[in-house]
PDB file of N, CA and C in Angstrom:
ATOM      1  N   MET A   1      74.570  67.824  30.612  1.00  0.00           N
ATOM      2  CA  MET A   1      75.771  67.596  31.392  1.00  0.00           C
ATOM      3  C   MET A   1      75.928  68.759  32.385  1.00  0.00           C
ATOM      4  N   THR A   2      76.214  68.427  33.626  1.00  0.00           N
ATOM      5  CA  THR A   2      76.485  69.458  34.620  1.00  0.00           C
ATOM      6  C   THR A   2      77.975  69.803  34.608  1.00  0.00           C
ATOM      7  N   PHE A   3      78.310  70.888  35.273  1.00  0.00           N
ATOM      8  CA  PHE A   3      79.723  71.241  35.401  1.00  0.00           C
ATOM      9  C   PHE A   3      80.500  70.130  36.106  1.00  0.00           C
ATOM     10  N   ASP A   4      79.918  69.564  37.149  1.00  0.00           N
ATOM     11  CA  ASP A   4      80.625  68.513  37.882  1.00  0.00           C
ATOM     12  C   ASP A   4      80.812  67.255  37.039  1.00  0.00           C
ATOM     13  N   GLU A   5      79.820  66.925  36.206  1.00  0.00           N
ATOM     14  CA  GLU A   5      79.984  65.789  35.302  1.00  0.00           C
ATOM     15  C   GLU A   5      81.114  66.064  34.311  1.00  0.00           C
ATOM     16  N   TYR A   6      81.141  67.277  33.782  1.00  0.00           N
ATOM     17  CA  TYR A   6      82.229  67.655  32.879  1.00  0.00           C
ATOM     18  C   TYR A   6      83.572  67.508  33.581  1.00  0.00           C
ATOM     19  N   GLN A   7      83.655  68.038  34.802  1.00  0.00           N
ATOM     20  CA  GLN A   7      84.917  68.016  35.543  1.00  0.00           C
ATOM     21  C   GLN A   7      85.395  66.575  35.773  1.00  0.00           C
ATOM     22  N   LYS A   8      84.491  65.696  36.119  1.00  0.00           N
ATOM     23  CA  LYS A   8      84.868  64.294  36.352  1.00  0.00           C
ATOM     24  C   LYS A   8      85.404  63.641  35.081  1.00  0.00           C
ATOM     25  N   GLN A   9      84.825  63.984  33.946  1.00  0.00           N
ATOM     26  CA  GLN A   9      85.314  63.426  32.688  1.00  0.00           C
ATOM     27  C   GLN A   9      86.610  64.102  32.252  1.00  0.00           C
ATOM     28  N   ALA A  10      86.693  65.421  32.434  1.00  0.00           N
ATOM     29  CA  ALA A  10      87.881  66.164  31.997  1.00  0.00           C
ATOM     30  C   ALA A  10      89.140  65.690  32.708  1.00  0.00           C
ATOM     31  N   ILE A  11      89.050  65.439  34.002  1.00  0.00           N
ATOM     32  CA  ILE A  11      90.242  65.067  34.764  1.00  0.00           C
ATOM     33  C   ILE A  11      90.796  63.716  34.309  1.00  0.00           C
ATOM     34  N   THR A  12      89.962  62.886  33.691  1.00  0.00           N
ATOM     35  CA  THR A  12      90.460  61.599  33.203  1.00  0.00           C
ATOM     36  C   THR A  12      91.417  61.760  32.028  1.00  0.00           C
ATOM     37  N   THR A  13      91.457  62.936  31.418  1.00  0.00           N
ATOM     38  CA  THR A  13      92.362  63.183  30.293  1.00  0.00           C
ATOM     39  C   THR A  13      93.620  63.934  30.722  1.00  0.00           C
ATOM     40  N   ASP A  14      93.793  64.115  32.006  1.00  0.00           N
ATOM     41  CA  ASP A  14      94.981  64.797  32.527  1.00  0.00           C
ATOM     42  C   ASP A  14      96.199  63.889  32.407  1.00  0.00           C
ATOM     43  N   THR A  15      97.243  64.390  31.799  1.00  0.00           N
ATOM     44  CA  THR A  15      98.451  63.584  31.602  1.00  0.00           C
ATOM     45  C   THR A  15      99.254  63.384  32.883  1.00  0.00           C
ATOM     46  N   PHE A  16      98.897  64.108  33.952  1.00  0.00           N
ATOM     47  CA  PHE A  16      99.593  63.952  35.229  1.00  0.00           C
ATOM     48  C   PHE A  16      98.833  63.032  36.190  1.00  0.00           C
ATOM     49  N   GLY A  17      97.840  62.327  35.707  1.00  0.00           N
ATOM     50  CA  GLY A  17      97.151  61.329  36.520  1.00  0.00           C
ATOM     51  C   GLY A  17      95.901  61.798  37.229  1.00  0.00           C
ATOM     52  N   GLY A  18      95.586  63.076  37.156  1.00  0.00           N
ATOM     53  CA  GLY A  18      94.339  63.567  37.719  1.00  0.00           C
ATOM     54  C   GLY A  18      94.257  63.607  39.225  1.00  0.00           C
ATOM     55  N   LYS A  19      95.375  63.535  39.897  1.00  0.00           N
ATOM     56  CA  LYS A  19      95.397  63.587  41.362  1.00  0.00           C
ATOM     57  C   LYS A  19      95.557  65.034  41.830  1.00  0.00           C
ATOM     58  N   PRO A  20      95.109  65.348  43.049  1.00  0.00           N
ATOM     59  CA  PRO A  20      95.354  66.693  43.584  1.00  0.00           C
ATOM     60  C   PRO A  20      96.839  67.042  43.500  1.00  0.00           C
ATOM     61  N   GLN A  21      97.125  68.275  43.192  1.00  0.00           N
ATOM     62  CA  GLN A  21      98.505  68.719  42.993  1.00  0.00           C
ATOM     63  C   GLN A  21      98.756  70.011  43.772  1.00  0.00           C
ATOM     64  N   PRO A  22      99.936  70.140  44.363  1.00  0.00           N
ATOM     65  CA  PRO A  22     100.276  71.425  45.001  1.00  0.00           C
ATOM     66  C   PRO A  22     100.526  72.484  43.927  1.00  0.00           C
ATOM     67  N   ILE A  23     100.344  73.735  44.291  1.00  0.00           N
ATOM     68  CA  ILE A  23     100.494  74.804  43.304  1.00  0.00           C
ATOM     69  C   ILE A  23     101.927  74.966  42.811  1.00  0.00           C
ATOM     70  N   THR A  24     102.872  74.349  43.494  1.00  0.00           N
ATOM     71  CA  THR A  24     104.270  74.409  43.059  1.00  0.00           C
ATOM     72  C   THR A  24     104.658  73.248  42.144  1.00  0.00           C
ATOM     73  N   SER A  25     103.735  72.339  41.877  1.00  0.00           N
ATOM     74  CA  SER A  25     104.054  71.165  41.066  1.00  0.00           C
ATOM     75  C   SER A  25     104.110  71.518  39.581  1.00  0.00           C
ATOM     76  N   MET A  26     104.846  70.713  38.846  1.00  0.00           N
ATOM     77  CA  MET A  26     104.907  70.865  37.393  1.00  0.00           C
ATOM     78  C   MET A  26     103.511  70.735  36.795  1.00  0.00           C
ATOM     79  N   ALA A  27     102.709  69.817  37.326  1.00  0.00           N
ATOM     80  CA  ALA A  27     101.357  69.608  36.815  1.00  0.00           C
ATOM     81  C   ALA A  27     100.530  70.885  36.938  1.00  0.00           C
ATOM     82  N   PHE A  28     100.564  71.512  38.124  1.00  0.00           N
ATOM     83  CA  PHE A  28      99.758  72.714  38.333  1.00  0.00           C
ATOM     84  C   PHE A  28     100.265  73.869  37.479  1.00  0.00           C
ATOM     85  N   ILE A  29     101.563  74.080  37.485  1.00  0.00           N
ATOM     86  CA  ILE A  29     102.143  75.191  36.714  1.00  0.00           C
ATOM     87  C   ILE A  29     101.846  75.003  35.228  1.00  0.00           C
ATOM     88  N   SER A  30     101.921  73.766  34.736  1.00  0.00           N
ATOM     89  CA  SER A  30     101.628  73.543  33.319  1.00  0.00           C
ATOM     90  C   SER A  30     100.172  73.874  32.995  1.00  0.00           C
ATOM     91  N   LYS A  31      99.266  73.616  33.937  1.00  0.00           N
ATOM     92  CA  LYS A  31      97.859  73.954  33.705  1.00  0.00           C
ATOM     93  C   LYS A  31      97.647  75.466  33.751  1.00  0.00           C
ATOM     94  N   LEU A  32      98.304  76.131  34.678  1.00  0.00           N
ATOM     95  CA  LEU A  32      98.196  77.586  34.760  1.00  0.00           C
ATOM     96  C   LEU A  32      98.691  78.231  33.471  1.00  0.00           C
ATOM     97  N   LEU A  33      99.840  77.792  33.001  1.00  0.00           N
ATOM     98  CA  LEU A  33     100.386  78.348  31.760  1.00  0.00           C
ATOM     99  C   LEU A  33      99.522  77.963  30.564  1.00  0.00           C
ATOM    100  N   GLY A  34      98.975  76.762  30.581  1.00  0.00           N
ATOM    101  CA  GLY A  34      98.069  76.343  29.516  1.00  0.00           C
ATOM    102  C   GLY A  34      96.821  77.202  29.465  1.00  0.00           C
ATOM    103  N   LEU A  35      96.277  77.528  30.630  1.00  0.00           N
ATOM    104  CA  LEU A  35      95.092  78.389  30.694  1.00  0.00           C
ATOM    105  C   LEU A  35      95.386  79.754  30.087  1.00  0.00           C
ATOM    106  N   VAL A  36      96.502  80.329  30.461  1.00  0.00           N
ATOM    107  CA  VAL A  36      96.882  81.636  29.929  1.00  0.00           C
ATOM    108  C   VAL A  36      97.080  81.543  28.413  1.00  0.00           C
ATOM    109  N   GLY A  37      97.737  80.478  27.969  1.00  0.00           N
ATOM    110  CA  GLY A  37      97.961  80.294  26.538  1.00  0.00           C
ATOM    111  C   GLY A  37      96.665  80.157  25.760  1.00  0.00           C
ATOM    112  N   GLU A  38      95.744  79.366  26.274  1.00  0.00           N
ATOM    113  CA  GLU A  38      94.466  79.175  25.586  1.00  0.00           C
ATOM    114  C   GLU A  38      93.638  80.456  25.581  1.00  0.00           C
ATOM    115  N   ALA A  39      93.658  81.196  26.681  1.00  0.00           N
ATOM    116  CA  ALA A  39      92.945  82.478  26.706  1.00  0.00           C
ATOM    117  C   ALA A  39      93.539  83.423  25.657  1.00  0.00           C
ATOM    118  N   GLY A  40      94.850  83.369  25.504  1.00  0.00           N
ATOM    119  CA  GLY A  40      95.501  84.164  24.472  1.00  0.00           C
ATOM    120  C   GLY A  40      95.074  83.736  23.077  1.00  0.00           C
ATOM    121  N   GLU A  41      94.901  82.434  22.877  1.00  0.00           N
ATOM    122  CA  GLU A  41      94.446  81.952  21.573  1.00  0.00           C
ATOM    123  C   GLU A  41      93.032  82.431  21.273  1.00  0.00           C
ATOM    124  N   VAL A  42      92.160  82.472  22.276  1.00  0.00           N
ATOM    125  CA  VAL A  42      90.811  83.005  22.081  1.00  0.00           C
ATOM    126  C   VAL A  42      90.911  84.461  21.637  1.00  0.00           C
ATOM    127  N   ALA A  43      91.707  85.240  22.345  1.00  0.00           N
ATOM    128  CA  ALA A  43      91.865  86.653  22.001  1.00  0.00           C
ATOM    129  C   ALA A  43      92.448  86.820  20.600  1.00  0.00           C
ATOM    130  N   ASP A  44      93.426  85.983  20.262  1.00  0.00           N
ATOM    131  CA  ASP A  44      94.070  86.083  18.953  1.00  0.00           C
ATOM    132  C   ASP A  44      93.098  85.767  17.823  1.00  0.00           C
ATOM    133  N   LYS A  45      92.243  84.767  18.027  1.00  0.00           N
ATOM    134  CA  LYS A  45      91.269  84.423  16.996  1.00  0.00           C
ATOM    135  C   LYS A  45      90.277  85.572  16.787  1.00  0.00           C
ATOM    136  N   PHE A  46      89.833  86.189  17.869  1.00  0.00           N
ATOM    137  CA  PHE A  46      88.931  87.332  17.732  1.00  0.00           C
ATOM    138  C   PHE A  46      89.645  88.511  17.069  1.00  0.00           C
ATOM    139  N   LYS A  47      90.907  88.699  17.412  1.00  0.00           N
ATOM    140  CA  LYS A  47      91.688  89.770  16.774  1.00  0.00           C
ATOM    141  C   LYS A  47      91.714  89.586  15.274  1.00  0.00           C
ATOM    142  N   LYS A  48      91.941  88.362  14.823  1.00  0.00           N
ATOM    143  CA  LYS A  48      92.033  88.107  13.392  1.00  0.00           C
ATOM    144  C   LYS A  48      90.686  88.280  12.701  1.00  0.00           C
ATOM    145  N   VAL A  49      89.600  87.912  13.369  1.00  0.00           N
ATOM    146  CA  VAL A  49      88.270  88.161  12.805  1.00  0.00           C
ATOM    147  C   VAL A  49      88.049  89.665  12.667  1.00  0.00           C
ATOM    148  N   TYR A  50      88.415  90.395  13.683  1.00  0.00           N
ATOM    149  CA  TYR A  50      88.260  91.855  13.659  1.00  0.00           C
ATOM    150  C   TYR A  50      89.160  92.477  12.596  1.00  0.00           C
ATOM    151  N   ARG A  51      90.421  92.051  12.578  1.00  0.00           N
ATOM    152  CA  ARG A  51      91.410  92.643  11.674  1.00  0.00           C
ATOM    153  C   ARG A  51      91.230  92.204  10.225  1.00  0.00           C
ATOM    154  N   ASP A  52      91.038  90.910  10.004  1.00  0.00           N
ATOM    155  CA  ASP A  52      91.073  90.369   8.647  1.00  0.00           C
ATOM    156  C   ASP A  52      89.704  90.172   8.011  1.00  0.00           C
ATOM    157  N   ASP A  53      88.688  89.999   8.814  1.00  0.00           N
ATOM    158  CA  ASP A  53      87.373  89.626   8.288  1.00  0.00           C
ATOM    159  C   ASP A  53      86.301  90.681   8.541  1.00  0.00           C
ATOM    160  N   GLU A  54      86.738  91.909   8.817  1.00  0.00           N
ATOM    161  CA  GLU A  54      85.795  93.009   9.063  1.00  0.00           C
ATOM    162  C   GLU A  54      84.753  92.638  10.121  1.00  0.00           C
ATOM    163  N   SER A  55      85.189  91.922  11.128  1.00  0.00           N
ATOM    164  CA  SER A  55      84.372  91.507  12.275  1.00  0.00           C
ATOM    165  C   SER A  55      83.244  90.555  11.912  1.00  0.00           C
ATOM    166  N   GLU A  56      83.343  89.902  10.765  1.00  0.00           N
ATOM    167  CA  GLU A  56      82.328  88.926  10.382  1.00  0.00           C
ATOM    168  C   GLU A  56      82.690  87.571  10.980  1.00  0.00           C
ATOM    169  N   LEU A  57      81.874  87.136  11.892  1.00  0.00           N
ATOM    170  CA  LEU A  57      82.096  85.865  12.572  1.00  0.00           C
ATOM    171  C   LEU A  57      81.345  84.772  11.816  1.00  0.00           C
ATOM    172  N   THR A  58      82.049  84.109  10.918  1.00  0.00           N
ATOM    173  CA  THR A  58      81.449  83.060  10.096  1.00  0.00           C
ATOM    174  C   THR A  58      81.188  81.815  10.948  1.00  0.00           C
ATOM    175  N   PRO A  59      80.341  80.910  10.469  1.00  0.00           N
ATOM    176  CA  PRO A  59      80.126  79.661  11.212  1.00  0.00           C
ATOM    177  C   PRO A  59      81.429  78.894  11.445  1.00  0.00           C
ATOM    178  N   GLU A  60      82.340  78.925  10.487  1.00  0.00           N
ATOM    179  CA  GLU A  60      83.620  78.243  10.645  1.00  0.00           C
ATOM    180  C   GLU A  60      84.453  78.879  11.754  1.00  0.00           C
ATOM    181  N   LYS A  61      84.482  80.194  11.773  1.00  0.00           N
ATOM    182  CA  LYS A  61      85.243  80.909  12.815  1.00  0.00           C
ATOM    183  C   LYS A  61      84.598  80.688  14.179  1.00  0.00           C
ATOM    184  N   LEU A  62      83.280  80.671  14.219  1.00  0.00           N
ATOM    185  CA  LEU A  62      82.574  80.429  15.471  1.00  0.00           C
ATOM    186  C   LEU A  62      82.901  79.037  16.017  1.00  0.00           C
ATOM    187  N   GLU A  63      83.021  78.069  15.132  1.00  0.00           N
ATOM    188  CA  GLU A  63      83.386  76.712  15.558  1.00  0.00           C
ATOM    189  C   GLU A  63      84.799  76.702  16.147  1.00  0.00           C
ATOM    190  N   LEU A  64      85.722  77.444  15.546  1.00  0.00           N
ATOM    191  CA  LEU A  64      87.076  77.567  16.101  1.00  0.00           C
ATOM    192  C   LEU A  64      87.040  78.209  17.482  1.00  0.00           C
ATOM    193  N   MET A  65      86.208  79.235  17.648  1.00  0.00           N
ATOM    194  CA  MET A  65      86.070  79.903  18.955  1.00  0.00           C
ATOM    195  C   MET A  65      85.560  78.915  19.997  1.00  0.00           C
ATOM    196  N   LYS A  66      84.591  78.117  19.593  1.00  0.00           N
ATOM    197  CA  LYS A  66      84.014  77.136  20.518  1.00  0.00           C
ATOM    198  C   LYS A  66      85.079  76.153  20.995  1.00  0.00           C
ATOM    199  N   LYS A  67      85.950  75.724  20.092  1.00  0.00           N
ATOM    200  CA  LYS A  67      87.024  74.802  20.469  1.00  0.00           C
ATOM    201  C   LYS A  67      88.002  75.447  21.439  1.00  0.00           C
ATOM    202  N   GLU A  68      88.373  76.690  21.170  1.00  0.00           N
ATOM    203  CA  GLU A  68      89.319  77.389  22.051  1.00  0.00           C
ATOM    204  C   GLU A  68      88.691  77.647  23.419  1.00  0.00           C
ATOM    205  N   LEU A  69      87.423  78.042  23.449  1.00  0.00           N
ATOM    206  CA  LEU A  69      86.749  78.261  24.729  1.00  0.00           C
ATOM    207  C   LEU A  69      86.635  76.950  25.499  1.00  0.00           C
ATOM    208  N   GLY A  70      86.445  75.842  24.789  1.00  0.00           N
ATOM    209  CA  GLY A  70      86.435  74.532  25.437  1.00  0.00           C
ATOM    210  C   GLY A  70      87.775  74.211  26.075  1.00  0.00           C
ATOM    211  N   ASP A  71      88.867  74.600  25.410  1.00  0.00           N
ATOM    212  CA  ASP A  71      90.195  74.378  25.984  1.00  0.00           C
ATOM    213  C   ASP A  71      90.374  75.191  27.269  1.00  0.00           C
ATOM    214  N   VAL A  72      89.866  76.423  27.272  1.00  0.00           N
ATOM    215  CA  VAL A  72      89.926  77.250  28.480  1.00  0.00           C
ATOM    216  C   VAL A  72      89.143  76.572  29.607  1.00  0.00           C
ATOM    217  N   LEU A  73      87.962  76.075  29.283  1.00  0.00           N
ATOM    218  CA  LEU A  73      87.140  75.390  30.280  1.00  0.00           C
ATOM    219  C   LEU A  73      87.859  74.167  30.839  1.00  0.00           C
ATOM    220  N   TRP A  74      88.536  73.411  29.986  1.00  0.00           N
ATOM    221  CA  TRP A  74      89.261  72.220  30.436  1.00  0.00           C
ATOM    222  C   TRP A  74      90.332  72.593  31.444  1.00  0.00           C
ATOM    223  N   TYR A  75      91.127  73.612  31.145  1.00  0.00           N
ATOM    224  CA  TYR A  75      92.187  74.014  32.073  1.00  0.00           C
ATOM    225  C   TYR A  75      91.613  74.494  33.405  1.00  0.00           C
ATOM    226  N   ILE A  76      90.543  75.261  33.380  1.00  0.00           N
ATOM    227  CA  ILE A  76      89.915  75.712  34.622  1.00  0.00           C
ATOM    228  C   ILE A  76      89.405  74.512  35.415  1.00  0.00           C
ATOM    229  N   SER A  77      88.790  73.584  34.715  1.00  0.00           N
ATOM    230  CA  SER A  77      88.252  72.396  35.368  1.00  0.00           C
ATOM    231  C   SER A  77      89.343  71.576  36.050  1.00  0.00           C
ATOM    232  N   VAL A  78      90.437  71.338  35.343  1.00  0.00           N
ATOM    233  CA  VAL A  78      91.508  70.519  35.906  1.00  0.00           C
ATOM    234  C   VAL A  78      92.206  71.245  37.057  1.00  0.00           C
ATOM    235  N   MET A  79      92.415  72.548  36.914  1.00  0.00           N
ATOM    236  CA  MET A  79      93.006  73.298  38.030  1.00  0.00           C
ATOM    237  C   MET A  79      92.099  73.219  39.255  1.00  0.00           C
ATOM    238  N   GLY A  80      90.794  73.319  39.045  1.00  0.00           N
ATOM    239  CA  GLY A  80      89.864  73.162  40.151  1.00  0.00           C
ATOM    240  C   GLY A  80      89.986  71.788  40.790  1.00  0.00           C
ATOM    241  N   SER A  81      90.093  70.758  39.964  1.00  0.00           N
ATOM    242  CA  SER A  81      90.258  69.398  40.495  1.00  0.00           C
ATOM    243  C   SER A  81      91.523  69.284  41.326  1.00  0.00           C
ATOM    244  N   TYR A  82      92.616  69.836  40.836  1.00  0.00           N
ATOM    245  CA  TYR A  82      93.874  69.794  41.585  1.00  0.00           C
ATOM    246  C   TYR A  82      93.714  70.437  42.963  1.00  0.00           C
ATOM    247  N   LEU A  83      92.904  71.487  43.027  1.00  0.00           N
ATOM    248  CA  LEU A  83      92.730  72.227  44.274  1.00  0.00           C
ATOM    249  C   LEU A  83      91.601  71.681  45.139  1.00  0.00           C
ATOM    250  N   GLY A  84      90.927  70.639  44.648  1.00  0.00           N
ATOM    251  CA  GLY A  84      89.811  70.075  45.394  1.00  0.00           C
ATOM    252  C   GLY A  84      88.555  70.925  45.325  1.00  0.00           C
ATOM    253  N   LEU A  85      88.442  71.727  44.261  1.00  0.00           N
ATOM    254  CA  LEU A  85      87.290  72.610  44.091  1.00  0.00           C
ATOM    255  C   LEU A  85      86.362  72.062  43.021  1.00  0.00           C
ATOM    256  N   SER A  86      85.094  72.072  43.307  1.00  0.00           N
ATOM    257  CA  SER A  86      84.084  71.633  42.357  1.00  0.00           C
ATOM    258  C   SER A  86      83.848  72.731  41.323  1.00  0.00           C
ATOM    259  N   LEU A  87      83.828  72.347  40.044  1.00  0.00           N
ATOM    260  CA  LEU A  87      83.543  73.318  38.984  1.00  0.00           C
ATOM    261  C   LEU A  87      82.148  73.900  39.163  1.00  0.00           C
ATOM    262  N   GLU A  88      81.234  73.087  39.647  1.00  0.00           N
ATOM    263  CA  GLU A  88      79.871  73.553  39.941  1.00  0.00           C
ATOM    264  C   GLU A  88      79.913  74.660  41.002  1.00  0.00           C
ATOM    265  N   ASP A  89      80.700  74.454  42.057  1.00  0.00           N
ATOM    266  CA  ASP A  89      80.826  75.459  43.117  1.00  0.00           C
ATOM    267  C   ASP A  89      81.501  76.725  42.608  1.00  0.00           C
ATOM    268  N   ILE A  90      82.517  76.574  41.768  1.00  0.00           N
ATOM    269  CA  ILE A  90      83.205  77.737  41.195  1.00  0.00           C
ATOM    270  C   ILE A  90      82.214  78.559  40.371  1.00  0.00           C
ATOM    271  N   ALA A  91      81.437  77.872  39.533  1.00  0.00           N
ATOM    272  CA  ALA A  91      80.456  78.567  38.686  1.00  0.00           C
ATOM    273  C   ALA A  91      79.391  79.261  39.530  1.00  0.00           C
ATOM    274  N   GLN A  92      78.890  78.574  40.554  1.00  0.00           N
ATOM    275  CA  GLN A  92      77.843  79.162  41.393  1.00  0.00           C
ATOM    276  C   GLN A  92      78.356  80.365  42.173  1.00  0.00           C
ATOM    277  N   LEU A  93      79.563  80.257  42.726  1.00  0.00           N
ATOM    278  CA  LEU A  93      80.156  81.377  43.446  1.00  0.00           C
ATOM    279  C   LEU A  93      80.299  82.594  42.546  1.00  0.00           C
ATOM    280  N   ASN A  94      80.708  82.359  41.302  1.00  0.00           N
ATOM    281  CA  ASN A  94      80.859  83.464  40.359  1.00  0.00           C
ATOM    282  C   ASN A  94      79.516  84.115  40.058  1.00  0.00           C
ATOM    283  N   LEU A  95      78.480  83.304  39.828  1.00  0.00           N
ATOM    284  CA  LEU A  95      77.152  83.865  39.574  1.00  0.00           C
ATOM    285  C   LEU A  95      76.617  84.623  40.785  1.00  0.00           C
ATOM    286  N   ASP A  96      76.841  84.093  41.978  1.00  0.00           N
ATOM    287  CA  ASP A  96      76.403  84.772  43.196  1.00  0.00           C
ATOM    288  C   ASP A  96      77.092  86.129  43.330  1.00  0.00           C
ATOM    289  N   LYS A  97      78.390  86.169  43.066  1.00  0.00           N
ATOM    290  CA  LYS A  97      79.150  87.418  43.148  1.00  0.00           C
ATOM    291  C   LYS A  97      78.618  88.437  42.156  1.00  0.00           C
ATOM    292  N   LEU A  98      78.382  88.002  40.921  1.00  0.00           N
ATOM    293  CA  LEU A  98      77.906  88.927  39.892  1.00  0.00           C
ATOM    294  C   LEU A  98      76.480  89.387  40.172  1.00  0.00           C
ATOM    295  N   SER A  99      75.637  88.493  40.682  1.00  0.00           N
ATOM    296  CA  SER A  99      74.266  88.876  41.035  1.00  0.00           C
ATOM    297  C   SER A  99      74.265  89.923  42.142  1.00  0.00           C
ATOM    298  N   ASP A 100      75.150  89.740  43.117  1.00  0.00           N
ATOM    299  CA  ASP A 100      75.259  90.705  44.206  1.00  0.00           C
ATOM    300  C   ASP A 100      75.722  92.064  43.676  1.00  0.00           C
ATOM    301  N   ARG A 101      76.708  92.054  42.810  1.00  0.00           N
ATOM    302  CA  ARG A 101      77.189  93.314  42.229  1.00  0.00           C
ATOM    303  C   ARG A 101      76.089  93.995  41.418  1.00  0.00           C
ATOM    304  N   LYS A 102      75.334  93.199  40.665  1.00  0.00           N
ATOM    305  CA  LYS A 102      74.239  93.767  39.876  1.00  0.00           C
ATOM    306  C   LYS A 102      73.206  94.403  40.790  1.00  0.00           C
ATOM    307  N   ALA A 103      72.838  93.710  41.852  1.00  0.00           N
ATOM    308  CA  ALA A 103      71.840  94.230  42.790  1.00  0.00           C
ATOM    309  C   ALA A 103      72.307  95.534  43.444  1.00  0.00           C
ATOM    310  N   ARG A 104      73.608  95.649  43.668  1.00  0.00           N
ATOM    311  CA  ARG A 104      74.149  96.862  44.281  1.00  0.00           C
ATOM    312  C   ARG A 104      74.555  97.921  43.264  1.00  0.00           C
ATOM    313  N   GLY A 105      74.379  97.614  41.962  1.00  0.00           N
ATOM    314  CA  GLY A 105      74.694  98.579  40.919  1.00  0.00           C
ATOM    315  C   GLY A 105      76.184  98.806  40.711  1.00  0.00           C
ATOM    316  N   VAL A 106      76.990  97.776  40.992  1.00  0.00           N
ATOM    317  CA  VAL A 106      78.439  97.942  40.845  1.00  0.00           C
ATOM    318  C   VAL A 106      79.048  96.903  39.889  1.00  0.00           C
ATOM    319  N   LEU A 107      78.271  96.494  38.867  1.00  0.00           N
ATOM    320  CA  LEU A 107      78.842  95.593  37.880  1.00  0.00           C
ATOM    321  C   LEU A 107      80.006  96.263  37.158  1.00  0.00           C
ATOM    322  N   LYS A 108      79.834  97.527  36.839  1.00  0.00           N
ATOM    323  CA  LYS A 108      80.928  98.293  36.232  1.00  0.00           C
ATOM    324  C   LYS A 108      81.823  98.816  37.323  1.00  0.00           C
ATOM    325  N   GLY A 109      83.064  99.022  36.987  1.00  0.00           N
ATOM    326  CA  GLY A 109      84.003  99.530  37.969  1.00  0.00           C
ATOM    327  C   GLY A 109      85.200  98.613  38.060  1.00  0.00           C
ATOM    328  N   SER A 110      86.000  98.827  39.050  1.00  0.00           N
ATOM    329  CA  SER A 110      87.188  97.999  39.202  1.00  0.00           C
ATOM    330  C   SER A 110      87.332  97.576  40.653  1.00  0.00           C
ATOM    331  N   GLY A 111      88.120  96.566  40.847  1.00  0.00           N
ATOM    332  CA  GLY A 111      88.353  96.046  42.190  1.00  0.00           C
ATOM    333  C   GLY A 111      87.613  94.757  42.420  1.00  0.00           C
ATOM    334  N   ASP A 112      88.269  93.838  43.088  1.00  0.00           N
ATOM    335  CA  ASP A 112      87.669  92.535  43.349  1.00  0.00           C
ATOM    336  C   ASP A 112      86.555  92.609  44.387  1.00  0.00           C
ATOM    337  N   ASN A 113      86.651  93.513  45.322  1.00  0.00           N
ATOM    338  CA  ASN A 113      85.713  93.557  46.452  1.00  0.00           C
ATOM    339  C   ASN A 113      84.758  94.729  46.361  1.00  0.00           C
ATOM    340  N   ARG A 114      84.175  94.939  45.196  1.00  0.00           N
ATOM    341  CA  ARG A 114      83.208  96.043  45.081  1.00  0.00           C
ATOM    342  C   ARG A 114      81.801  95.577  45.327  1.00  0.00           C
TER     343      ARG A 114
END
């Protein structure tokens, strides 16, 4: 499955109809907040593995992580659809940016435009 195939299937499960949405719409804001919430759930699950399980990532915990990361991917995909952005293009742009930073030796550091 490609990113674009995923995106086409993911948008069919959008409760707001899967149409492009302005960033001020309830649909867009709910996806933005959902993304933040799901990212928090990923962090919380890792925190509990670190805190409660002496950092042992069991197969069961790994499966939970996979589900939460899938939720993050869904929100990113749908937000991209709302904005008319291809998930494939988003992924490629990110890889191009990171490859450029690696080539210039600036993967570490801070700032968006390094």
